[in-house]
All heavy atoms as atom14 arrays in JSON, in Angstrom:
{
  "sequence": "GTGTELLDVLGEEASTRFVLLTGIIEYSGIP",
  "atom14_mask": [
    [1, 1, 1, 1, 0, 0, 0, 0, 0, 0, 0, 0, 0, 0],
    [1, 1, 1, 1, 1, 1, 1, 0, 0, 0, 0, 0, 0, 0],
    [1, 1, 1, 1, 0, 0, 0, 0, 0, 0, 0, 0, 0, 0],
    [1, 1, 1, 1, 1, 1, 1, 0, 0, 0, 0, 0, 0, 0],
    [1, 1, 1, 1, 1, 1, 1, 1, 1, 0, 0, 0, 0, 0],
    [1, 1, 1, 1, 1, 1, 1, 1, 0, 0, 0, 0, 0, 0],
    [1, 1, 1, 1, 1, 1, 1, 1, 0, 0, 0, 0, 0, 0],
    [1, 1, 1, 1, 1, 1, 1, 1, 0, 0, 0, 0, 0, 0],
    [1, 1, 1, 1, 1, 1, 1, 0, 0, 0, 0, 0, 0, 0],
    [1, 1, 1, 1, 1, 1, 1, 1, 0, 0, 0, 0, 0, 0],
    [1, 1, 1, 1, 0, 0, 0, 0, 0, 0, 0, 0, 0, 0],
    [1, 1, 1, 1, 1, 1, 1, 1, 1, 0, 0, 0, 0, 0],
    [1, 1, 1, 1, 1, 1, 1, 1, 1, 0, 0, 0, 0, 0],
    [1, 1, 1, 1, 1, 0, 0, 0, 0, 0, 0, 0, 0, 0],
    [1, 1, 1, 1, 1, 1, 0, 0, 0, 0, 0, 0, 0, 0],
    [1, 1, 1, 1, 1, 1, 1, 0, 0, 0, 0, 0, 0, 0],
    [1, 1, 1, 1, 1, 1, 1, 1, 1, 1, 1, 0, 0, 0],
    [1, 1, 1, 1, 1, 1, 1, 1, 1, 1, 1, 0, 0, 0],
    [1, 1, 1, 1, 1, 1, 1, 0, 0, 0, 0, 0, 0, 0],
    [1, 1, 1, 1, 1, 1, 1, 1, 0, 0, 0, 0, 0, 0],
    [1, 1, 1, 1, 1, 1, 1, 1, 0, 0, 0, 0, 0, 0],
    [1, 1, 1, 1, 1, 1, 1, 0, 0, 0, 0, 0, 0, 0],
    [1, 1, 1, 1, 0, 0, 0, 0, 0, 0, 0, 0, 0, 0],
    [1, 1, 1, 1, 1, 1, 1, 1, 0, 0, 0, 0, 0, 0],
    [1, 1, 1, 1, 1, 1, 1, 1, 0, 0, 0, 0, 0, 0],
    [1, 1, 1, 1, 1, 1, 1, 1, 1, 0, 0, 0, 0, 0],
    [1, 1, 1, 1, 1, 1, 1, 1, 1, 1, 1, 1, 0, 0],
    [1, 1, 1, 1, 1, 1, 0, 0, 0, 0, 0, 0, 0, 0],
    [1, 1, 1, 1, 0, 0, 0, 0, 0, 0, 0, 0, 0, 0],
    [1, 1, 1, 1, 1, 1, 1, 1, 0, 0, 0, 0, 0, 0],
    [1, 1, 1, 1, 1, 1, 1, 0, 0, 0, 0, 0, 0, 0]
  ],
  "atom14_positions": [
    [[88.21, 93.92, 78.56], [89.65, 93.91, 78.78], [89.99, 92.65, 79.65], [89.3, 91.7, 79.56], [0.0, 0.0, 0.0], [0.0, 0.0, 0.0], [0.0, 0.0, 0.0], [0.0, 0.0, 0.0], [0.0, 0.0, 0.0], [0.0, 0.0, 0.0], [0.0, 0.0, 0.0], [0.0, 0.0, 0.0], [0.0, 0.0, 0.0], [0.0, 0.0, 0.0]],
    [[91.06, 92.82, 80.41], [91.45, 91.72, 81.28], [91.41, 92.12, 82.71], [91.58, 93.28, 83.09], [92.92, 91.28, 80.94], [93.78, 92.31, 81.29], [93.03, 90.88, 79.47], [0.0, 0.0, 0.0], [0.0, 0.0, 0.0], [0.0, 0.0, 0.0], [0.0, 0.0, 0.0], [0.0, 0.0, 0.0], [0.0, 0.0, 0.0], [0.0, 0.0, 0.0]],
    [[91.25, 91.13, 83.56], [91.17, 91.36, 85.05], [92.5, 91.94, 85.5], [92.48, 92.77, 86.45], [0.0, 0.0, 0.0], [0.0, 0.0, 0.0], [0.0, 0.0, 0.0], [0.0, 0.0, 0.0], [0.0, 0.0, 0.0], [0.0, 0.0, 0.0], [0.0, 0.0, 0.0], [0.0, 0.0, 0.0], [0.0, 0.0, 0.0], [0.0, 0.0, 0.0]],
    [[93.58, 91.69, 84.83], [94.84, 92.27, 85.35], [94.95, 93.75, 85.21], [95.75, 94.33, 85.84], [96.04, 91.63, 84.71], [95.95, 91.74, 83.24], [96.21, 90.07, 85.05], [0.0, 0.0, 0.0], [0.0, 0.0, 0.0], [0.0, 0.0, 0.0], [0.0, 0.0, 0.0], [0.0, 0.0, 0.0], [0.0, 0.0, 0.0], [0.0, 0.0, 0.0]],
    [[94.12, 94.35, 84.29], [94.0, 95.82, 84.2], [93.62, 96.51, 85.47], [93.93, 97.59, 85.76], [93.08, 96.15, 83.03], [93.61, 95.78, 81.7], [92.61, 96.06, 80.59], [91.8, 97.05, 80.69], [92.6, 95.19, 79.62], [0.0, 0.0, 0.0], [0.0, 0.0, 0.0], [0.0, 0.0, 0.0], [0.0, 0.0, 0.0], [0.0, 0.0, 0.0]],
    [[92.92, 95.74, 86.32], [92.44, 96.22, 87.56], [93.59, 96.45, 88.55], [93.39, 97.27, 89.46], [91.38, 95.41, 88.19], [90.09, 95.21, 87.36], [89.17, 94.21, 87.9], [89.39, 96.57, 87.2], [0.0, 0.0, 0.0], [0.0, 0.0, 0.0], [0.0, 0.0, 0.0], [0.0, 0.0, 0.0], [0.0, 0.0, 0.0], [0.0, 0.0, 0.0]],
    [[94.67, 95.77, 88.35], [95.88, 95.92, 89.23], [96.35, 97.44, 89.07], [96.81, 97.99, 90.07], [96.92, 94.96, 88.88], [96.66, 93.49, 89.23], [97.67, 92.61, 88.52], [96.77, 93.34, 90.67], [0.0, 0.0, 0.0], [0.0, 0.0, 0.0], [0.0, 0.0, 0.0], [0.0, 0.0, 0.0], [0.0, 0.0, 0.0], [0.0, 0.0, 0.0]],
    [[96.26, 98.0, 87.86], [96.68, 99.37, 87.73], [95.74, 100.32, 88.49], [96.13, 101.33, 88.93], [96.75, 99.73, 86.26], [97.84, 98.92, 85.44], [98.85, 98.66, 86.17], [97.67, 98.66, 84.32], [0.0, 0.0, 0.0], [0.0, 0.0, 0.0], [0.0, 0.0, 0.0], [0.0, 0.0, 0.0], [0.0, 0.0, 0.0], [0.0, 0.0, 0.0]],
    [[94.5, 99.95, 88.51], [93.47, 100.8, 89.2], [93.88, 100.76, 90.74], [93.81, 101.8, 91.44], [92.07, 100.33, 89.0], [91.04, 101.16, 89.85], [91.7, 100.49, 87.56], [0.0, 0.0, 0.0], [0.0, 0.0, 0.0], [0.0, 0.0, 0.0], [0.0, 0.0, 0.0], [0.0, 0.0, 0.0], [0.0, 0.0, 0.0], [0.0, 0.0, 0.0]],
    [[94.18, 99.61, 91.24], [94.56, 99.49, 92.63], [95.85, 100.15, 93.03], [96.0, 100.69, 94.05], [94.7, 97.98, 93.01], [93.42, 97.2, 93.13], [93.7, 95.69, 93.26], [92.66, 97.61, 94.28], [0.0, 0.0, 0.0], [0.0, 0.0, 0.0], [0.0, 0.0, 0.0], [0.0, 0.0, 0.0], [0.0, 0.0, 0.0], [0.0, 0.0, 0.0]],
    [[96.79, 100.24, 92.06], [98.1, 100.85, 92.31], [99.03, 99.85, 92.96], [98.71, 98.82, 93.53], [0.0, 0.0, 0.0], [0.0, 0.0, 0.0], [0.0, 0.0, 0.0], [0.0, 0.0, 0.0], [0.0, 0.0, 0.0], [0.0, 0.0, 0.0], [0.0, 0.0, 0.0], [0.0, 0.0, 0.0], [0.0, 0.0, 0.0], [0.0, 0.0, 0.0]],
    [[100.37, 100.21, 92.97], [101.4, 99.42, 93.37], [101.37, 99.23, 94.93], [101.73, 98.14, 95.44], [102.76, 99.98, 93.05], [103.06, 100.02, 91.57], [103.48, 98.63, 91.04], [103.94, 97.86, 91.82], [103.32, 98.48, 89.88], [0.0, 0.0, 0.0], [0.0, 0.0, 0.0], [0.0, 0.0, 0.0], [0.0, 0.0, 0.0], [0.0, 0.0, 0.0]],
    [[100.93, 100.16, 95.67], [100.96, 100.13, 97.18], [99.69, 99.6, 97.81], [99.55, 99.56, 99.02], [101.35, 101.5, 97.68], [102.59, 102.03, 97.18], [103.76, 101.13, 97.47], [103.9, 100.56, 98.56], [104.62, 100.94, 96.54], [0.0, 0.0, 0.0], [0.0, 0.0, 0.0], [0.0, 0.0, 0.0], [0.0, 0.0, 0.0], [0.0, 0.0, 0.0]],
    [[98.76, 99.21, 96.98], [97.48, 98.74, 97.52], [97.63, 97.51, 98.43], [98.37, 96.62, 98.11], [96.46, 98.48, 96.41], [0.0, 0.0, 0.0], [0.0, 0.0, 0.0], [0.0, 0.0, 0.0], [0.0, 0.0, 0.0], [0.0, 0.0, 0.0], [0.0, 0.0, 0.0], [0.0, 0.0, 0.0], [0.0, 0.0, 0.0], [0.0, 0.0, 0.0]],
    [[96.86, 97.5, 99.53], [96.84, 96.4, 100.43], [95.79, 95.29, 100.06], [95.79, 94.23, 100.65], [96.59, 96.78, 101.83], [95.3, 97.36, 101.93], [0.0, 0.0, 0.0], [0.0, 0.0, 0.0], [0.0, 0.0, 0.0], [0.0, 0.0, 0.0], [0.0, 0.0, 0.0], [0.0, 0.0, 0.0], [0.0, 0.0, 0.0], [0.0, 0.0, 0.0]],
    [[95.01, 95.58, 99.05], [93.99, 94.68, 98.56], [94.62, 93.44, 97.99], [95.6, 93.52, 97.15], [93.1, 95.38, 97.5], [92.55, 96.45, 98.03], [92.07, 94.39, 97.01], [0.0, 0.0, 0.0], [0.0, 0.0, 0.0], [0.0, 0.0, 0.0], [0.0, 0.0, 0.0], [0.0, 0.0, 0.0], [0.0, 0.0, 0.0], [0.0, 0.0, 0.0]],
    [[94.23, 92.27, 98.4], [94.72, 90.99, 97.86], [93.88, 90.78, 96.48], [92.76, 91.05, 96.43], [94.43, 89.8, 98.74], [94.99, 89.94, 100.16], [96.49, 90.06, 100.14], [97.08, 89.81, 101.4], [97.33, 90.77, 102.32], [96.95, 91.98, 102.06], [97.83, 90.55, 103.5], [0.0, 0.0, 0.0], [0.0, 0.0, 0.0], [0.0, 0.0, 0.0]],
    [[94.63, 90.26, 95.53], [94.02, 90.13, 94.17], [94.21, 88.63, 93.75], [95.36, 88.16, 93.64], [94.73, 91.0, 93.21], [94.01, 91.22, 91.94], [93.2, 92.32, 91.71], [94.08, 90.3, 90.87], [92.5, 92.5, 90.51], [93.42, 90.42, 89.7], [92.58, 91.54, 89.53], [0.0, 0.0, 0.0], [0.0, 0.0, 0.0], [0.0, 0.0, 0.0]],
    [[93.13, 88.0, 93.5], [93.06, 86.61, 93.01], [92.51, 86.57, 91.58], [91.44, 87.1, 91.34], [92.19, 85.72, 93.91], [92.15, 84.28, 93.41], [92.77, 85.72, 95.37], [0.0, 0.0, 0.0], [0.0, 0.0, 0.0], [0.0, 0.0, 0.0], [0.0, 0.0, 0.0], [0.0, 0.0, 0.0], [0.0, 0.0, 0.0], [0.0, 0.0, 0.0]],
    [[93.28, 86.01, 90.73], [92.94, 85.95, 89.3], [92.27, 84.57, 89.0], [92.85, 83.56, 89.32], [94.1, 86.22, 88.45], [93.82, 86.51, 86.92], [93.06, 87.8, 86.79], [95.08, 86.49, 86.13], [0.0, 0.0, 0.0], [0.0, 0.0, 0.0], [0.0, 0.0, 0.0], [0.0, 0.0, 0.0], [0.0, 0.0, 0.0], [0.0, 0.0, 0.0]],
    [[91.16, 84.57, 88.33], [90.49, 83.37, 87.83], [90.88, 83.18, 86.42], [90.78, 84.12, 85.62], [88.92, 83.48, 87.93], [88.29, 83.66, 89.28], [86.84, 83.8, 89.14], [88.67, 82.48, 90.2], [0.0, 0.0, 0.0], [0.0, 0.0, 0.0], [0.0, 0.0, 0.0], [0.0, 0.0, 0.0], [0.0, 0.0, 0.0], [0.0, 0.0, 0.0]],
    [[91.26, 82.03, 86.1], [91.55, 81.67, 84.67], [91.1, 80.35, 84.27], [90.76, 79.47, 85.14], [93.1, 81.67, 84.42], [93.63, 80.65, 85.18], [93.71, 83.03, 84.83], [0.0, 0.0, 0.0], [0.0, 0.0, 0.0], [0.0, 0.0, 0.0], [0.0, 0.0, 0.0], [0.0, 0.0, 0.0], [0.0, 0.0, 0.0], [0.0, 0.0, 0.0]],
    [[91.01, 80.13, 82.94], [90.94, 78.84, 82.43], [92.37, 78.3, 82.25], [93.26, 79.09, 82.23], [0.0, 0.0, 0.0], [0.0, 0.0, 0.0], [0.0, 0.0, 0.0], [0.0, 0.0, 0.0], [0.0, 0.0, 0.0], [0.0, 0.0, 0.0], [0.0, 0.0, 0.0], [0.0, 0.0, 0.0], [0.0, 0.0, 0.0], [0.0, 0.0, 0.0]],
    [[92.5, 77.02, 82.18], [93.86, 76.44, 82.03], [94.63, 77.02, 80.92], [95.74, 77.39, 81.04], [93.81, 74.92, 81.94], [93.23, 74.3, 83.19], [95.17, 74.26, 81.61], [92.86, 72.82, 83.16], [0.0, 0.0, 0.0], [0.0, 0.0, 0.0], [0.0, 0.0, 0.0], [0.0, 0.0, 0.0], [0.0, 0.0, 0.0], [0.0, 0.0, 0.0]],
    [[93.99, 77.22, 79.78], [94.65, 77.71, 78.63], [95.16, 79.13, 78.7], [96.04, 79.66, 78.1], [93.75, 77.61, 77.3], [94.55, 77.68, 76.06], [92.64, 78.59, 77.35], [95.03, 76.43, 75.57], [0.0, 0.0, 0.0], [0.0, 0.0, 0.0], [0.0, 0.0, 0.0], [0.0, 0.0, 0.0], [0.0, 0.0, 0.0], [0.0, 0.0, 0.0]],
    [[94.47, 79.97, 79.63], [94.84, 81.43, 79.73], [96.08, 81.72, 80.58], [96.57, 82.86, 80.49], [93.62, 82.1, 80.44], [92.41, 82.05, 79.59], [91.15, 82.57, 80.39], [91.1, 82.45, 81.61], [90.23, 83.05, 79.7], [0.0, 0.0, 0.0], [0.0, 0.0, 0.0], [0.0, 0.0, 0.0], [0.0, 0.0, 0.0], [0.0, 0.0, 0.0]],
    [[96.59, 80.74, 81.35], [97.74, 81.01, 82.13], [98.91, 81.59, 81.32], [99.59, 82.52, 81.8], [98.27, 79.69, 82.8], [97.66, 79.44, 84.12], [96.91, 78.3, 84.33], [97.79, 80.29, 85.21], [96.27, 78.04, 85.52], [97.21, 80.08, 86.41], [96.43, 78.95, 86.62], [95.85, 78.64, 87.83], [0.0, 0.0, 0.0], [0.0, 0.0, 0.0]],
    [[99.07, 81.13, 80.1], [100.25, 81.66, 79.28], [100.02, 83.05, 78.83], [101.01, 83.75, 78.47], [100.44, 80.7, 78.13], [99.35, 80.74, 77.29], [0.0, 0.0, 0.0], [0.0, 0.0, 0.0], [0.0, 0.0, 0.0], [0.0, 0.0, 0.0], [0.0, 0.0, 0.0], [0.0, 0.0, 0.0], [0.0, 0.0, 0.0], [0.0, 0.0, 0.0]],
    [[98.84, 83.56, 78.89], [98.58, 84.91, 78.42], [98.66, 86.01, 79.42], [98.53, 87.18, 79.13], [0.0, 0.0, 0.0], [0.0, 0.0, 0.0], [0.0, 0.0, 0.0], [0.0, 0.0, 0.0], [0.0, 0.0, 0.0], [0.0, 0.0, 0.0], [0.0, 0.0, 0.0], [0.0, 0.0, 0.0], [0.0, 0.0, 0.0], [0.0, 0.0, 0.0]],
    [[99.02, 85.59, 80.65], [99.1, 86.57, 81.77], [100.49, 87.26, 81.72], [101.51, 86.58, 81.81], [98.87, 85.92, 83.16], [97.52, 85.27, 83.18], [99.1, 86.93, 84.26], [97.32, 84.36, 84.42], [0.0, 0.0, 0.0], [0.0, 0.0, 0.0], [0.0, 0.0, 0.0], [0.0, 0.0, 0.0], [0.0, 0.0, 0.0], [0.0, 0.0, 0.0]],
    [[100.51, 88.6, 81.57], [101.8, 89.27, 81.59], [102.65, 88.99, 82.82], [102.11, 88.94, 83.93], [101.46, 90.77, 81.46], [100.06, 90.75, 80.99], [99.4, 89.43, 81.48], [0.0, 0.0, 0.0], [0.0, 0.0, 0.0], [0.0, 0.0, 0.0], [0.0, 0.0, 0.0], [0.0, 0.0, 0.0], [0.0, 0.0, 0.0], [0.0, 0.0, 0.0]]
  ]
}
């Protein structure tokens, strides 16, 4: 899957900071 799916596991109110690693070409695919 994608790393961004983990944001749903964390939930909207989570205090956890989330840093996404990408290749340059992948930036456009991030919702």
